[in-house]
Amino acid sequence: MKEFVMEYKGAIIGAVIALLIIITGLDRLIFGAVVVVIGMFVGNFVQRNKEEVKEKLKKFIDRM
């Protein structure tokens, strides 16, 4: 048993943390924060690459 715990200590700690997050309902908050951060990165990318994004959108719409 000791060898098992020593080999999979990281996985066990990760599982316990995941269970605590799910039990306390923090998963919704974390998911929301991740969505906001992804939105920030996408918005920043679009702002910096307007012309490239326009061309890709035109090609995508033309294929449909």
PDB file of N, CA and C in Angstrom:
ATOM      1  N   MET A   1       0.824  -1.192   0.000  1.00  0.00           N
ATOM      2  CA  MET A   1       0.000   0.000   0.000  1.00  0.00           C
ATOM      3  C   MET A   1       0.871   1.259   0.000  1.00  0.00           C
ATOM      4  N   LYS A   2       1.978   1.207   0.760  1.00  0.00           N
ATOM      5  CA  LYS A   2       2.860   2.363   0.839  1.00  0.00           C
ATOM      6  C   LYS A   2       3.468   2.693  -0.517  1.00  0.00           C
ATOM      7  N   GLU A   3       3.841   1.672  -1.282  1.00  0.00           N
ATOM      8  CA  GLU A   3       4.411   1.895  -2.610  1.00  0.00           C
ATOM      9  C   GLU A   3       3.383   2.544  -3.535  1.00  0.00           C
ATOM     10  N   PHE A   4       2.132   2.079  -3.438  1.00  0.00           N
ATOM     11  CA  PHE A   4       1.074   2.643  -4.260  1.00  0.00           C
ATOM     12  C   PHE A   4       0.894   4.133  -3.972  1.00  0.00           C
ATOM     13  N   VAL A   5       0.855   4.484  -2.687  1.00  0.00           N
ATOM     14  CA  VAL A   5       0.672   5.880  -2.292  1.00  0.00           C
ATOM     15  C   VAL A   5       1.871   6.714  -2.745  1.00  0.00           C
ATOM     16  N   MET A   6       3.069   6.193  -2.607  1.00  0.00           N
ATOM     17  CA  MET A   6       4.255   6.947  -3.007  1.00  0.00           C
ATOM     18  C   MET A   6       4.292   7.163  -4.528  1.00  0.00           C
ATOM     19  N   GLU A   7       3.849   6.156  -5.293  1.00  0.00           N
ATOM     20  CA  GLU A   7       3.904   6.265  -6.744  1.00  0.00           C
ATOM     21  C   GLU A   7       2.821   7.187  -7.291  1.00  0.00           C
ATOM     22  N   TYR A   8       1.645   7.164  -6.681  1.00  0.00           N
ATOM     23  CA  TYR A   8       0.511   7.937  -7.196  1.00  0.00           C
ATOM     24  C   TYR A   8       0.105   9.072  -6.269  1.00  0.00           C
ATOM     25  N   LYS A   9       1.053   9.617  -5.530  1.00  0.00           N
ATOM     26  CA  LYS A   9       0.765  10.685  -4.574  1.00  0.00           C
ATOM     27  C   LYS A   9       0.179  11.911  -5.266  1.00  0.00           C
ATOM     28  N   GLY A  10       0.732  12.300  -6.388  1.00  0.00           N
ATOM     29  CA  GLY A  10       0.248  13.467  -7.120  1.00  0.00           C
ATOM     30  C   GLY A  10      -1.173  13.279  -7.621  1.00  0.00           C
ATOM     31  N   ALA A  11      -1.467  12.088  -8.122  1.00  0.00           N
ATOM     32  CA  ALA A  11      -2.809  11.799  -8.618  1.00  0.00           C
ATOM     33  C   ALA A  11      -3.826  11.795  -7.480  1.00  0.00           C
ATOM     34  N   ILE A  12      -3.440  11.270  -6.333  1.00  0.00           N
ATOM     35  CA  ILE A  12      -4.336  11.232  -5.175  1.00  0.00           C
ATOM     36  C   ILE A  12      -4.621  12.646  -4.691  1.00  0.00           C
ATOM     37  N   ILE A  13      -3.590  13.472  -4.600  1.00  0.00           N
ATOM     38  CA  ILE A  13      -3.772  14.865  -4.167  1.00  0.00           C
ATOM     39  C   ILE A  13      -4.657  15.608  -5.171  1.00  0.00           C
ATOM     40  N   GLY A  14      -4.429  15.403  -6.452  1.00  0.00           N
ATOM     41  CA  GLY A  14      -5.253  16.033  -7.477  1.00  0.00           C
ATOM     42  C   GLY A  14      -6.710  15.614  -7.390  1.00  0.00           C
ATOM     43  N   ALA A  15      -6.950  14.342  -7.131  1.00  0.00           N
ATOM     44  CA  ALA A  15      -8.325  13.852  -7.007  1.00  0.00           C
ATOM     45  C   ALA A  15      -9.020  14.454  -5.793  1.00  0.00           C
ATOM     46  N   VAL A  16      -8.312  14.556  -4.678  1.00  0.00           N
ATOM     47  CA  VAL A  16      -8.894  15.153  -3.475  1.00  0.00           C
ATOM     48  C   VAL A  16      -9.232  16.625  -3.711  1.00  0.00           C
ATOM     49  N   ILE A  17      -8.329  17.351  -4.348  1.00  0.00           N
ATOM     50  CA  ILE A  17      -8.595  18.756  -4.645  1.00  0.00           C
ATOM     51  C   ILE A  17      -9.788  18.892  -5.584  1.00  0.00           C
ATOM     52  N   ALA A  18      -9.848  18.043  -6.613  1.00  0.00           N
ATOM     53  CA  ALA A  18     -10.976  18.079  -7.553  1.00  0.00           C
ATOM     54  C   ALA A  18     -12.294  17.796  -6.835  1.00  0.00           C
ATOM     55  N   LEU A  19     -12.293  16.827  -5.941  1.00  0.00           N
ATOM     56  CA  LEU A  19     -13.514  16.535  -5.179  1.00  0.00           C
ATOM     57  C   LEU A  19     -13.928  17.719  -4.312  1.00  0.00           C
ATOM     58  N   LEU A  20     -12.973  18.361  -3.669  1.00  0.00           N
ATOM     59  CA  LEU A  20     -13.298  19.532  -2.850  1.00  0.00           C
ATOM     60  C   LEU A  20     -13.869  20.663  -3.699  1.00  0.00           C
ATOM     61  N   ILE A  21     -13.310  20.866  -4.872  1.00  0.00           N
ATOM     62  CA  ILE A  21     -13.828  21.910  -5.763  1.00  0.00           C
ATOM     63  C   ILE A  21     -15.258  21.598  -6.183  1.00  0.00           C
ATOM     64  N   ILE A  22     -15.535  20.359  -6.520  1.00  0.00           N
ATOM     65  CA  ILE A  22     -16.880  19.977  -6.941  1.00  0.00           C
ATOM     66  C   ILE A  22     -17.866  20.074  -5.779  1.00  0.00           C
ATOM     67  N   ILE A  23     -17.463  19.611  -4.608  1.00  0.00           N
ATOM     68  CA  ILE A  23     -18.357  19.635  -3.448  1.00  0.00           C
ATOM     69  C   ILE A  23     -18.706  21.062  -3.046  1.00  0.00           C
ATOM     70  N   THR A  24     -17.747  21.967  -3.081  1.00  0.00           N
ATOM     71  CA  THR A  24     -17.995  23.339  -2.653  1.00  0.00           C
ATOM     72  C   THR A  24     -18.649  24.192  -3.737  1.00  0.00           C
ATOM     73  N   GLY A  25     -18.749  23.690  -4.959  1.00  0.00           N
ATOM     74  CA  GLY A  25     -19.380  24.439  -6.035  1.00  0.00           C
ATOM     75  C   GLY A  25     -18.459  25.437  -6.700  1.00  0.00           C
ATOM     76  N   LEU A  26     -17.187  25.364  -6.420  1.00  0.00           N
ATOM     77  CA  LEU A  26     -16.236  26.289  -7.039  1.00  0.00           C
ATOM     78  C   LEU A  26     -16.003  25.991  -8.511  1.00  0.00           C
ATOM     79  N   ASP A  27     -16.468  24.833  -8.977  1.00  0.00           N
ATOM     80  CA  ASP A  27     -16.260  24.488 -10.382  1.00  0.00           C
ATOM     81  C   ASP A  27     -16.960  25.476 -11.303  1.00  0.00           C
ATOM     82  N   ARG A  28     -18.122  25.975 -10.901  1.00  0.00           N
ATOM     83  CA  ARG A  28     -18.821  26.969 -11.719  1.00  0.00           C
ATOM     84  C   ARG A  28     -18.030  28.270 -11.779  1.00  0.00           C
ATOM     85  N   LEU A  29     -17.483  28.680 -10.658  1.00  0.00           N
ATOM     86  CA  LEU A  29     -16.691  29.903 -10.613  1.00  0.00           C
ATOM     87  C   LEU A  29     -15.429  29.762 -11.450  1.00  0.00           C
ATOM     88  N   ILE A  30     -14.757  28.632 -11.328  1.00  0.00           N
ATOM     89  CA  ILE A  30     -13.527  28.390 -12.086  1.00  0.00           C
ATOM     90  C   ILE A  30     -13.843  28.344 -13.581  1.00  0.00           C
ATOM     91  N   PHE A  31     -14.931  27.666 -13.952  1.00  0.00           N
ATOM     92  CA  PHE A  31     -15.325  27.596 -15.354  1.00  0.00           C
ATOM     93  C   PHE A  31     -15.620  28.989 -15.900  1.00  0.00           C
ATOM     94  N   GLY A  32     -16.321  29.788 -15.128  1.00  0.00           N
ATOM     95  CA  GLY A  32     -16.617  31.158 -15.543  1.00  0.00           C
ATOM     96  C   GLY A  32     -15.364  31.974 -15.730  1.00  0.00           C
ATOM     97  N   ALA A  33     -14.418  31.838 -14.817  1.00  0.00           N
ATOM     98  CA  ALA A  33     -13.161  32.569 -14.925  1.00  0.00           C
ATOM     99  C   ALA A  33     -12.375  32.134 -16.155  1.00  0.00           C
ATOM    100  N   VAL A  34     -12.386  30.854 -16.457  1.00  0.00           N
ATOM    101  CA  VAL A  34     -11.682  30.347 -17.638  1.00  0.00           C
ATOM    102  C   VAL A  34     -12.320  30.902 -18.904  1.00  0.00           C
ATOM    103  N   VAL A  35     -13.653  30.951 -18.939  1.00  0.00           N
ATOM    104  CA  VAL A  35     -14.341  31.491 -20.117  1.00  0.00           C
ATOM    105  C   VAL A  35     -13.992  32.968 -20.306  1.00  0.00           C
ATOM    106  N   VAL A  36     -13.934  33.725 -19.221  1.00  0.00           N
ATOM    107  CA  VAL A  36     -13.587  35.147 -19.305  1.00  0.00           C
ATOM    108  C   VAL A  36     -12.162  35.311 -19.830  1.00  0.00           C
ATOM    109  N   VAL A  37     -11.228  34.521 -19.330  1.00  0.00           N
ATOM    110  CA  VAL A  37      -9.836  34.621 -19.771  1.00  0.00           C
ATOM    111  C   VAL A  37      -9.710  34.252 -21.248  1.00  0.00           C
ATOM    112  N   ILE A  38     -10.405  33.212 -21.692  1.00  0.00           N
ATOM    113  CA  ILE A  38     -10.373  32.834 -23.104  1.00  0.00           C
ATOM    114  C   ILE A  38     -10.951  33.956 -23.956  1.00  0.00           C
ATOM    115  N   GLY A  39     -12.038  34.556 -23.488  1.00  0.00           N
ATOM    116  CA  GLY A  39     -12.627  35.681 -24.205  1.00  0.00           C
ATOM    117  C   GLY A  39     -11.668  36.852 -24.325  1.00  0.00           C
ATOM    118  N   MET A  40     -10.913  37.109 -23.272  1.00  0.00           N
ATOM    119  CA  MET A  40      -9.922  38.192 -23.307  1.00  0.00           C
ATOM    120  C   MET A  40      -8.854  37.917 -24.358  1.00  0.00           C
ATOM    121  N   PHE A  41      -8.349  36.677 -24.404  1.00  0.00           N
ATOM    122  CA  PHE A  41      -7.321  36.331 -25.372  1.00  0.00           C
ATOM    123  C   PHE A  41      -7.848  36.415 -26.801  1.00  0.00           C
ATOM    124  N   VAL A  42      -9.067  35.938 -27.024  1.00  0.00           N
ATOM    125  CA  VAL A  42      -9.648  35.994 -28.369  1.00  0.00           C
ATOM    126  C   VAL A  42      -9.858  37.443 -28.790  1.00  0.00           C
ATOM    127  N   GLY A  43     -10.393  38.268 -27.892  1.00  0.00           N
ATOM    128  CA  GLY A  43     -10.596  39.673 -28.206  1.00  0.00           C
ATOM    129  C   GLY A  43      -9.302  40.386 -28.521  1.00  0.00           C
ATOM    130  N   ASN A  44      -8.270  40.105 -27.750  1.00  0.00           N
ATOM    131  CA  ASN A  44      -6.964  40.707 -27.995  1.00  0.00           C
ATOM    132  C   ASN A  44      -6.400  40.265 -29.339  1.00  0.00           C
ATOM    133  N   PHE A  45      -6.530  38.991 -29.659  1.00  0.00           N
ATOM    134  CA  PHE A  45      -6.036  38.480 -30.939  1.00  0.00           C
ATOM    135  C   PHE A  45      -6.762  39.145 -32.105  1.00  0.00           C
ATOM    136  N   VAL A  46      -8.090  39.249 -31.992  1.00  0.00           N
ATOM    137  CA  VAL A  46      -8.873  39.851 -33.070  1.00  0.00           C
ATOM    138  C   VAL A  46      -8.497  41.320 -33.238  1.00  0.00           C
ATOM    139  N   GLN A  47      -8.302  42.019 -32.137  1.00  0.00           N
ATOM    140  CA  GLN A  47      -7.950  43.431 -32.208  1.00  0.00           C
ATOM    141  C   GLN A  47      -6.604  43.631 -32.891  1.00  0.00           C
ATOM    142  N   ARG A  48      -5.656  42.766 -32.616  1.00  0.00           N
ATOM    143  CA  ARG A  48      -4.307  42.922 -33.182  1.00  0.00           C
ATOM    144  C   ARG A  48      -4.205  42.412 -34.617  1.00  0.00           C
ATOM    145  N   ASN A  49      -5.120  41.540 -35.024  1.00  0.00           N
ATOM    146  CA  ASN A  49      -5.045  40.913 -36.355  1.00  0.00           C
ATOM    147  C   ASN A  49      -6.359  41.090 -37.112  1.00  0.00           C
ATOM    148  N   LYS A  50      -6.854  42.306 -37.189  1.00  0.00           N
ATOM    149  CA  LYS A  50      -8.168  42.564 -37.784  1.00  0.00           C
ATOM    150  C   LYS A  50      -8.257  42.088 -39.229  1.00  0.00           C
ATOM    151  N   GLU A  51      -7.296  42.443 -40.029  1.00  0.00           N
ATOM    152  CA  GLU A  51      -7.353  42.102 -41.455  1.00  0.00           C
ATOM    153  C   GLU A  51      -7.291  40.594 -41.676  1.00  0.00           C
ATOM    154  N   GLU A  52      -6.414  39.941 -40.949  1.00  0.00           N
ATOM    155  CA  GLU A  52      -6.285  38.484 -41.078  1.00  0.00           C
ATOM    156  C   GLU A  52      -7.583  37.789 -40.667  1.00  0.00           C
ATOM    157  N   VAL A  53      -8.194  38.263 -39.593  1.00  0.00           N
ATOM    158  CA  VAL A  53      -9.446  37.675 -39.118  1.00  0.00           C
ATOM    159  C   VAL A  53     -10.563  37.909 -40.133  1.00  0.00           C
ATOM    160  N   LYS A  54     -10.612  39.106 -40.726  1.00  0.00           N
ATOM    161  CA  LYS A  54     -11.621  39.400 -41.743  1.00  0.00           C
ATOM    162  C   LYS A  54     -11.502  38.442 -42.920  1.00  0.00           C
ATOM    163  N   GLU A  55     -10.276  38.222 -43.379  1.00  0.00           N
ATOM    164  CA  GLU A  55     -10.065  37.316 -44.508  1.00  0.00           C
ATOM    165  C   GLU A  55     -10.494  35.892 -44.169  1.00  0.00           C
ATOM    166  N   LYS A  56     -10.131  35.425 -42.983  1.00  0.00           N
ATOM    167  CA  LYS A  56     -10.508  34.067 -42.580  1.00  0.00           C
ATOM    168  C   LYS A  56     -12.016  33.935 -42.459  1.00  0.00           C
ATOM    169  N   LEU A  57     -12.686  34.952 -41.921  1.00  0.00           N
ATOM    170  CA  LEU A  57     -14.145  34.908 -41.814  1.00  0.00           C
ATOM    171  C   LEU A  57     -14.795  34.900 -43.193  1.00  0.00           C
ATOM    172  N   LYS A  58     -14.279  35.698 -44.121  1.00  0.00           N
ATOM    173  CA  LYS A  58     -14.819  35.718 -45.480  1.00  0.00           C
ATOM    174  C   LYS A  58     -14.693  34.338 -46.127  1.00  0.00           C
ATOM    175  N   LYS A  59     -13.525  33.717 -46.005  1.00  0.00           N
ATOM    176  CA  LYS A  59     -13.309  32.390 -46.588  1.00  0.00           C
ATOM    177  C   LYS A  59     -14.230  31.364 -45.945  1.00  0.00           C
ATOM    178  N   PHE A  60     -14.418  31.447 -44.632  1.00  0.00           N
ATOM    179  CA  PHE A  60     -15.282  30.510 -43.922  1.00  0.00           C
ATOM    180  C   PHE A  60     -16.736  30.666 -44.368  1.00  0.00           C
ATOM    181  N   ILE A  61     -17.189  31.908 -44.484  1.00  0.00           N
ATOM    182  CA  ILE A  61     -18.566  32.167 -44.903  1.00  0.00           C
ATOM    183  C   ILE A  61     -18.779  31.733 -46.352  1.00  0.00           C
ATOM    184  N   ASP A  62     -17.794  31.965 -47.214  1.00  0.00           N
ATOM    185  CA  ASP A  62     -17.908  31.557 -48.615  1.00  0.00           C
ATOM    186  C   ASP A  62     -18.018  30.034 -48.758  1.00  0.00           C
ATOM    187  N   ARG A  63     -17.355  29.292 -47.888  1.00  0.00           N
ATOM    188  CA  ARG A  63     -17.437  27.822 -47.944  1.00  0.00           C
ATOM    189  C   ARG A  63     -18.813  27.328 -47.566  1.00  0.00           C
ATOM    190  N   MET A  64     -19.486  28.061 -46.712  1.00  0.00           N
ATOM    191  CA  MET A  64     -20.821  27.630 -46.279  1.00  0.00           C
ATOM    192  C   MET A  64     -21.794  27.979 -47.370  1.00  0.00           C
TER     193      MET A  64
END
